[in-house]
Amino acid sequence: SSNPNLQPSLPPHPQQSLPPSPNQEEEKCYSMVAEYAYQYPVDQNNIQAALELAKEAQNQDQSKEFQNALDLYVDVVDRLRMIRESTTENEMKKNLANTMTVYLERAESIKEAYPGLNPRLRPKNPQPPVGLPPEGYPPPQQQHQQQQSASPPPVVEPYTGRSLILLELKKNRGCEKKSPSPRLFRFSFSFSFSFFHKK
């Protein structure tokens, strides 16, 4: 039996006629990703953290804050991929693969509606959000890292794995006159995820 927590319910496909969220300032969007990266370190295989992020991604999506939603969906997929790689249960692997596919397709639909939006990468050593005491976040070894380099801005960590396809889409759209057809892009998703369902 599948875990109901892993079945995402997503808002409708964003319509091209809807304007993107009002003038997304770089700092506002970046700070949201940084805050979640700080509260939920990516090196922890924590399914609950991924579900919290997924819930916030859907909230942002329903509020038509599509840049924030895109950032968070891609982050969620990256985390779920790492959790999936560390589990040995076939049913769990299958549920995670299905969930990752849904979130990637949702991110794809946002990018199709708003080609100018691209996922921002999470910071490698995020600073504590404003007003949040550092006690308890993040784990001690990360806190020690932060003390050594408190002044430089956070270093951006590139995504790996399936979520990289969203960044590749930006490159393809920049180099070619015509954007890749949605059909071809969907095929690449089904190809990427086909091995998830092998026993």
C-alpha atoms as a PDB file:
ATOM      1  CA  SER A   1       0.000   0.000   0.000  1.00  0.00           C
ATOM      2  CA  SER A   2       1.345   3.420  -0.931  1.00  0.00           C
ATOM      3  CA  ASN A   3       2.098   6.139   1.578  1.00  0.00           C
ATOM      4  CA  PRO A   4      -0.572   8.881   1.239  1.00  0.00           C
ATOM      5  CA  ASN A   5       1.965  11.491   2.395  1.00  0.00           C
ATOM      6  CA  LEU A   6       3.896  10.923  -0.818  1.00  0.00           C
ATOM      7  CA  GLN A   7       0.924  11.644  -3.106  1.00  0.00           C
ATOM      8  CA  PRO A   8       1.190  15.373  -3.873  1.00  0.00           C
ATOM      9  CA  SER A   9      -1.952  17.301  -4.763  1.00  0.00           C
ATOM     10  CA  LEU A  10      -0.974  20.222  -6.977  1.00  0.00           C
ATOM     11  CA  PRO A  11      -2.851  23.341  -8.092  1.00  0.00           C
ATOM     12  CA  PRO A  12      -3.920  23.641 -11.750  1.00  0.00           C
ATOM     13  CA  HIS A  13      -1.431  24.309 -14.543  1.00  0.00           C
ATOM     14  CA  PRO A  14      -0.503  28.025 -14.504  1.00  0.00           C
ATOM     15  CA  GLN A  15      -2.129  29.818 -17.434  1.00  0.00           C
ATOM     16  CA  GLN A  16      -0.025  31.881 -19.820  1.00  0.00           C
ATOM     17  CA  SER A  17      -2.490  34.753 -19.385  1.00  0.00           C
ATOM     18  CA  LEU A  18      -1.655  35.044 -15.670  1.00  0.00           C
ATOM     19  CA  PRO A  19       1.121  37.539 -14.937  1.00  0.00           C
ATOM     20  CA  PRO A  20       4.128  36.215 -13.008  1.00  0.00           C
ATOM     21  CA  SER A  21       4.244  37.220  -9.359  1.00  0.00           C
ATOM     22  CA  PRO A  22       4.767  40.988  -9.060  1.00  0.00           C
ATOM     23  CA  ASN A  23       8.347  41.936  -9.843  1.00  0.00           C
ATOM     24  CA  GLN A  24      10.157  39.163  -7.968  1.00  0.00           C
ATOM     25  CA  GLU A  25      13.152  40.786  -6.323  1.00  0.00           C
ATOM     26  CA  GLU A  26      16.226  38.573  -6.431  1.00  0.00           C
ATOM     27  CA  GLU A  27      16.804  38.911  -2.698  1.00  0.00           C
ATOM     28  CA  LYS A  28      13.290  37.909  -1.676  1.00  0.00           C
ATOM     29  CA  CYS A  29      13.337  34.680  -3.688  1.00  0.00           C
ATOM     30  CA  TYR A  30      16.913  33.854  -2.776  1.00  0.00           C
ATOM     31  CA  SER A  31      16.268  34.359   0.931  1.00  0.00           C
ATOM     32  CA  MET A  32      13.393  31.865   0.881  1.00  0.00           C
ATOM     33  CA  VAL A  33      15.588  29.101  -0.575  1.00  0.00           C
ATOM     34  CA  ALA A  34      18.384  30.013   1.854  1.00  0.00           C
ATOM     35  CA  GLU A  35      16.017  29.871   4.830  1.00  0.00           C
ATOM     36  CA  TYR A  36      14.800  26.382   3.968  1.00  0.00           C
ATOM     37  CA  ALA A  37      18.331  25.195   3.179  1.00  0.00           C
ATOM     38  CA  TYR A  38      19.339  26.383   6.656  1.00  0.00           C
ATOM     39  CA  GLN A  39      16.406  24.839   8.515  1.00  0.00           C
ATOM     40  CA  TYR A  40      16.561  21.562   6.581  1.00  0.00           C
ATOM     41  CA  PRO A  41      20.214  20.776   5.710  1.00  0.00           C
ATOM     42  CA  VAL A  42      20.391  18.887   2.443  1.00  0.00           C
ATOM     43  CA  ASP A  43      22.825  16.283   3.795  1.00  0.00           C
ATOM     44  CA  GLN A  44      20.127  14.889   6.104  1.00  0.00           C
ATOM     45  CA  ASN A  45      18.020  12.137   4.501  1.00  0.00           C
ATOM     46  CA  ASN A  46      14.900  13.494   6.143  1.00  0.00           C
ATOM     47  CA  ILE A  47      11.619  12.650   4.405  1.00  0.00           C
ATOM     48  CA  GLN A  48       9.723  14.951   6.780  1.00  0.00           C
ATOM     49  CA  ALA A  49      11.889  17.914   5.741  1.00  0.00           C
ATOM     50  CA  ALA A  50      11.181  17.167   2.063  1.00  0.00           C
ATOM     51  CA  LEU A  51       7.437  17.016   2.771  1.00  0.00           C
ATOM     52  CA  GLU A  52       7.568  20.349   4.642  1.00  0.00           C
ATOM     53  CA  LEU A  53       9.321  21.930   1.665  1.00  0.00           C
ATOM     54  CA  ALA A  54       6.805  20.354  -0.725  1.00  0.00           C
ATOM     55  CA  LYS A  55       3.930  21.806   1.286  1.00  0.00           C
ATOM     56  CA  GLU A  56       5.495  25.278   1.162  1.00  0.00           C
ATOM     57  CA  ALA A  57       6.143  24.894  -2.594  1.00  0.00           C
ATOM     58  CA  GLN A  58       2.443  24.192  -3.124  1.00  0.00           C
ATOM     59  CA  ASN A  59       1.460  27.175  -0.936  1.00  0.00           C
ATOM     60  CA  GLN A  60       3.699  29.441  -3.024  1.00  0.00           C
ATOM     61  CA  ASP A  61       2.279  27.907  -6.202  1.00  0.00           C
ATOM     62  CA  GLN A  62      -1.319  28.579  -5.139  1.00  0.00           C
ATOM     63  CA  SER A  63      -0.372  32.157  -4.210  1.00  0.00           C
ATOM     64  CA  LYS A  64       0.934  32.541  -7.798  1.00  0.00           C
ATOM     65  CA  GLU A  65       4.475  33.116  -6.478  1.00  0.00           C
ATOM     66  CA  PHE A  66       5.770  30.939  -9.286  1.00  0.00           C
ATOM     67  CA  GLN A  67       9.472  31.777  -8.894  1.00  0.00           C
ATOM     68  CA  ASN A  68       9.412  30.723  -5.236  1.00  0.00           C
ATOM     69  CA  ALA A  69       7.420  27.600  -6.107  1.00  0.00           C
ATOM     70  CA  LEU A  70       9.887  26.649  -8.856  1.00  0.00           C
ATOM     71  CA  ASP A  71      12.880  27.084  -6.522  1.00  0.00           C
ATOM     72  CA  LEU A  72      11.271  24.888  -3.877  1.00  0.00           C
ATOM     73  CA  TYR A  73       9.954  22.168  -6.215  1.00  0.00           C
ATOM     74  CA  VAL A  74      13.440  21.636  -7.648  1.00  0.00           C
ATOM     75  CA  ASP A  75      14.934  21.555  -4.138  1.00  0.00           C
ATOM     76  CA  VAL A  76      12.319  18.978  -3.058  1.00  0.00           C
ATOM     77  CA  VAL A  77      13.099  16.750  -6.058  1.00  0.00           C
ATOM     78  CA  ASP A  78      16.814  16.872  -5.253  1.00  0.00           C
ATOM     79  CA  ARG A  79      16.165  15.840  -1.647  1.00  0.00           C
ATOM     80  CA  LEU A  80      13.759  13.048  -2.613  1.00  0.00           C
ATOM     81  CA  ARG A  81      16.324  11.707  -5.092  1.00  0.00           C
ATOM     82  CA  MET A  82      18.941  11.444  -2.328  1.00  0.00           C
ATOM     83  CA  ILE A  83      16.460   9.769   0.029  1.00  0.00           C
ATOM     84  CA  ARG A  84      15.491   7.332  -2.717  1.00  0.00           C
ATOM     85  CA  GLU A  85      19.127   6.405  -3.341  1.00  0.00           C
ATOM     86  CA  SER A  86      19.617   5.577   0.334  1.00  0.00           C
ATOM     87  CA  THR A  87      16.533   3.368   0.815  1.00  0.00           C
ATOM     88  CA  THR A  88      16.373  -0.350   0.064  1.00  0.00           C
ATOM     89  CA  GLU A  89      12.568  -0.755   0.176  1.00  0.00           C
ATOM     90  CA  ASN A  90      11.116  -1.263  -3.301  1.00  0.00           C
ATOM     91  CA  GLU A  91       7.697   0.189  -2.424  1.00  0.00           C
ATOM     92  CA  MET A  92       9.304   3.304  -0.964  1.00  0.00           C
ATOM     93  CA  LYS A  93      11.530   3.677  -4.049  1.00  0.00           C
ATOM     94  CA  LYS A  94       8.456   3.460  -6.284  1.00  0.00           C
ATOM     95  CA  ASN A  95       6.483   6.026  -4.234  1.00  0.00           C
ATOM     96  CA  LEU A  96       9.426   8.429  -4.209  1.00  0.00           C
ATOM     97  CA  ALA A  97       9.929   8.042  -7.967  1.00  0.00           C
ATOM     98  CA  ASN A  98       6.242   8.793  -8.623  1.00  0.00           C
ATOM     99  CA  THR A  99       6.347  11.828  -6.352  1.00  0.00           C
ATOM    100  CA  MET A 100       9.537  13.169  -7.941  1.00  0.00           C
ATOM    101  CA  THR A 101       7.933  12.817 -11.378  1.00  0.00           C
ATOM    102  CA  VAL A 102       4.869  14.810 -10.290  1.00  0.00           C
ATOM    103  CA  TYR A 103       6.979  17.651  -8.875  1.00  0.00           C
ATOM    104  CA  LEU A 104       9.292  17.759 -11.892  1.00  0.00           C
ATOM    105  CA  GLU A 105       6.301  17.879 -14.237  1.00  0.00           C
ATOM    106  CA  ARG A 106       4.814  20.676 -12.152  1.00  0.00           C
ATOM    107  CA  ALA A 107       8.094  22.604 -12.335  1.00  0.00           C
ATOM    108  CA  GLU A 108       8.135  21.966 -16.096  1.00  0.00           C
ATOM    109  CA  SER A 109       4.606  23.378 -16.443  1.00  0.00           C
ATOM    110  CA  ILE A 110       5.632  26.570 -14.608  1.00  0.00           C
ATOM    111  CA  LYS A 111       8.652  26.952 -16.895  1.00  0.00           C
ATOM    112  CA  GLU A 112       6.486  26.395 -19.982  1.00  0.00           C
ATOM    113  CA  ALA A 113       4.085  29.133 -18.850  1.00  0.00           C
ATOM    114  CA  TYR A 114       6.898  31.510 -17.817  1.00  0.00           C
ATOM    115  CA  PRO A 115      10.085  30.785 -19.818  1.00  0.00           C
ATOM    116  CA  GLY A 116      11.856  33.663 -18.034  1.00  0.00           C
ATOM    117  CA  LEU A 117      11.737  31.869 -14.663  1.00  0.00           C
ATOM    118  CA  ASN A 118      14.602  29.554 -13.738  1.00  0.00           C
ATOM    119  CA  PRO A 119      15.243  27.711 -10.473  1.00  0.00           C
ATOM    120  CA  ARG A 120      17.699  29.440  -8.171  1.00  0.00           C
ATOM    121  CA  LEU A 121      20.289  27.178  -6.587  1.00  0.00           C
ATOM    122  CA  ARG A 122      20.363  26.620  -2.873  1.00  0.00           C
ATOM    123  CA  PRO A 123      23.322  28.130  -0.967  1.00  0.00           C
ATOM    124  CA  LYS A 124      25.968  25.681   0.197  1.00  0.00           C
ATOM    125  CA  ASN A 125      26.543  27.278   3.618  1.00  0.00           C
ATOM    126  CA  PRO A 126      23.336  29.198   4.286  1.00  0.00           C
ATOM    127  CA  GLN A 127      23.290  31.835   7.032  1.00  0.00           C
ATOM    128  CA  PRO A 128      20.587  31.775   9.732  1.00  0.00           C
ATOM    129  CA  PRO A 129      17.364  33.523   8.682  1.00  0.00           C
ATOM    130  CA  VAL A 130      16.885  36.988  10.197  1.00  0.00           C
ATOM    131  CA  GLY A 131      15.512  36.778  13.725  1.00  0.00           C
ATOM    132  CA  LEU A 132      16.237  33.059  14.118  1.00  0.00           C
ATOM    133  CA  PRO A 133      18.652  32.148  16.936  1.00  0.00           C
ATOM    134  CA  PRO A 134      21.475  29.919  15.666  1.00  0.00           C
ATOM    135  CA  GLU A 135      21.052  27.367  18.499  1.00  0.00           C
ATOM    136  CA  GLY A 136      20.034  23.992  17.115  1.00  0.00           C
ATOM    137  CA  TYR A 137      20.402  24.982  13.431  1.00  0.00           C
ATOM    138  CA  PRO A 138      22.283  23.634  11.622  1.00  0.00           C
ATOM    139  CA  PRO A 139      24.136  20.544  12.951  1.00  0.00           C
ATOM    140  CA  PRO A 140      27.395  21.271  14.844  1.00  0.00           C
ATOM    141  CA  GLN A 141      29.771  20.493  11.970  1.00  0.00           C
ATOM    142  CA  GLN A 142      27.942  22.927   9.680  1.00  0.00           C
ATOM    143  CA  GLN A 143      27.902  25.582  12.388  1.00  0.00           C
ATOM    144  CA  HIS A 144      31.676  25.252  12.723  1.00  0.00           C
ATOM    145  CA  GLN A 145      32.016  25.750   8.955  1.00  0.00           C
ATOM    146  CA  GLN A 146      29.963  28.922   9.187  1.00  0.00           C
ATOM    147  CA  GLN A 147      32.088  30.379  11.992  1.00  0.00           C
ATOM    148  CA  GLN A 148      35.194  30.024   9.829  1.00  0.00           C
ATOM    149  CA  SER A 149      33.652  31.972   6.935  1.00  0.00           C
ATOM    150  CA  ALA A 150      30.954  34.224   8.329  1.00  0.00           C
ATOM    151  CA  SER A 151      31.574  37.250   6.094  1.00  0.00           C
ATOM    152  CA  PRO A 152      31.670  35.914   2.472  1.00  0.00           C
ATOM    153  CA  PRO A 153      28.276  35.429   0.771  1.00  0.00           C
ATOM    154  CA  PRO A 154      26.968  31.834   0.600  1.00  0.00           C
ATOM    155  CA  VAL A 155      28.483  29.700  -2.150  1.00  0.00           C
ATOM    156  CA  VAL A 156      25.965  28.329  -4.617  1.00  0.00           C
ATOM    157  CA  GLU A 157      25.915  24.552  -4.901  1.00  0.00           C
ATOM    158  CA  PRO A 158      25.032  23.121  -8.324  1.00  0.00           C
ATOM    159  CA  TYR A 159      22.231  20.583  -8.535  1.00  0.00           C
ATOM    160  CA  THR A 160      22.981  17.009  -9.522  1.00  0.00           C
ATOM    161  CA  GLY A 161      20.779  14.276 -10.913  1.00  0.00           C
ATOM    162  CA  ARG A 162      17.351  14.593 -12.492  1.00  0.00           C
ATOM    163  CA  SER A 163      16.687  18.162 -11.347  1.00  0.00           C
ATOM    164  CA  LEU A 164      19.520  19.359 -13.592  1.00  0.00           C
ATOM    165  CA  ILE A 165      17.205  18.940 -16.584  1.00  0.00           C
ATOM    166  CA  LEU A 166      15.402  22.140 -15.584  1.00  0.00           C
ATOM    167  CA  LEU A 167      18.611  24.108 -15.827  1.00  0.00           C
ATOM    168  CA  GLU A 168      19.457  22.440 -19.147  1.00  0.00           C
ATOM    169  CA  LEU A 169      16.114  23.642 -20.495  1.00  0.00           C
ATOM    170  CA  LYS A 170      17.249  27.237 -19.953  1.00  0.00           C
ATOM    171  CA  LYS A 171      20.392  26.615 -22.032  1.00  0.00           C
ATOM    172  CA  ASN A 172      18.421  24.986 -24.842  1.00  0.00           C
ATOM    173  CA  ARG A 173      15.977  27.864 -24.975  1.00  0.00           C
ATOM    174  CA  GLY A 174      18.827  30.381 -25.062  1.00  0.00           C
ATOM    175  CA  CYS A 175      20.720  28.720 -27.915  1.00  0.00           C
ATOM    176  CA  GLU A 176      17.908  27.724 -30.252  1.00  0.00           C
ATOM    177  CA  LYS A 177      15.339  29.847 -31.983  1.00  0.00           C
ATOM    178  CA  LYS A 178      12.653  27.348 -31.152  1.00  0.00           C
ATOM    179  CA  SER A 179      12.147  26.001 -27.660  1.00  0.00           C
ATOM    180  CA  PRO A 180      12.154  22.222 -27.200  1.00  0.00           C
ATOM    181  CA  SER A 181       8.723  20.743 -27.799  1.00  0.00           C
ATOM    182  CA  PRO A 182       6.816  19.794 -24.619  1.00  0.00           C
ATOM    183  CA  ARG A 183       6.397  16.330 -26.100  1.00  0.00           C
ATOM    184  CA  LEU A 184      10.147  15.798 -26.395  1.00  0.00           C
ATOM    185  CA  PHE A 185      10.679  17.193 -22.904  1.00  0.00           C
ATOM    186  CA  ARG A 186       8.042  14.877 -21.431  1.00  0.00           C
ATOM    187  CA  PHE A 187       9.680  11.951 -23.195  1.00  0.00           C
ATOM    188  CA  SER A 188      12.968  12.853 -21.517  1.00  0.00           C
ATOM    189  CA  PHE A 189      11.208  12.749 -18.129  1.00  0.00           C
ATOM    190  CA  SER A 190       9.668   9.329 -18.774  1.00  0.00           C
ATOM    191  CA  PHE A 191      13.033   8.060 -19.995  1.00  0.00           C
ATOM    192  CA  SER A 192      14.849   9.467 -16.938  1.00  0.00           C
ATOM    193  CA  PHE A 193      12.441   7.872 -14.503  1.00  0.00           C
ATOM    194  CA  SER A 194      11.814   4.554 -16.257  1.00  0.00           C
ATOM    195  CA  PHE A 195      14.556   2.803 -14.285  1.00  0.00           C
ATOM    196  CA  PHE A 196      12.959   3.820 -10.960  1.00  0.00           C
ATOM    197  CA  HIS A 197      10.210   1.287 -11.468  1.00  0.00           C
ATOM    198  CA  LYS A 198      12.506  -1.681 -12.070  1.00  0.00           C
ATOM    199  CA  LYS A 199      12.505  -4.154  -9.196  1.00  0.00           C
END
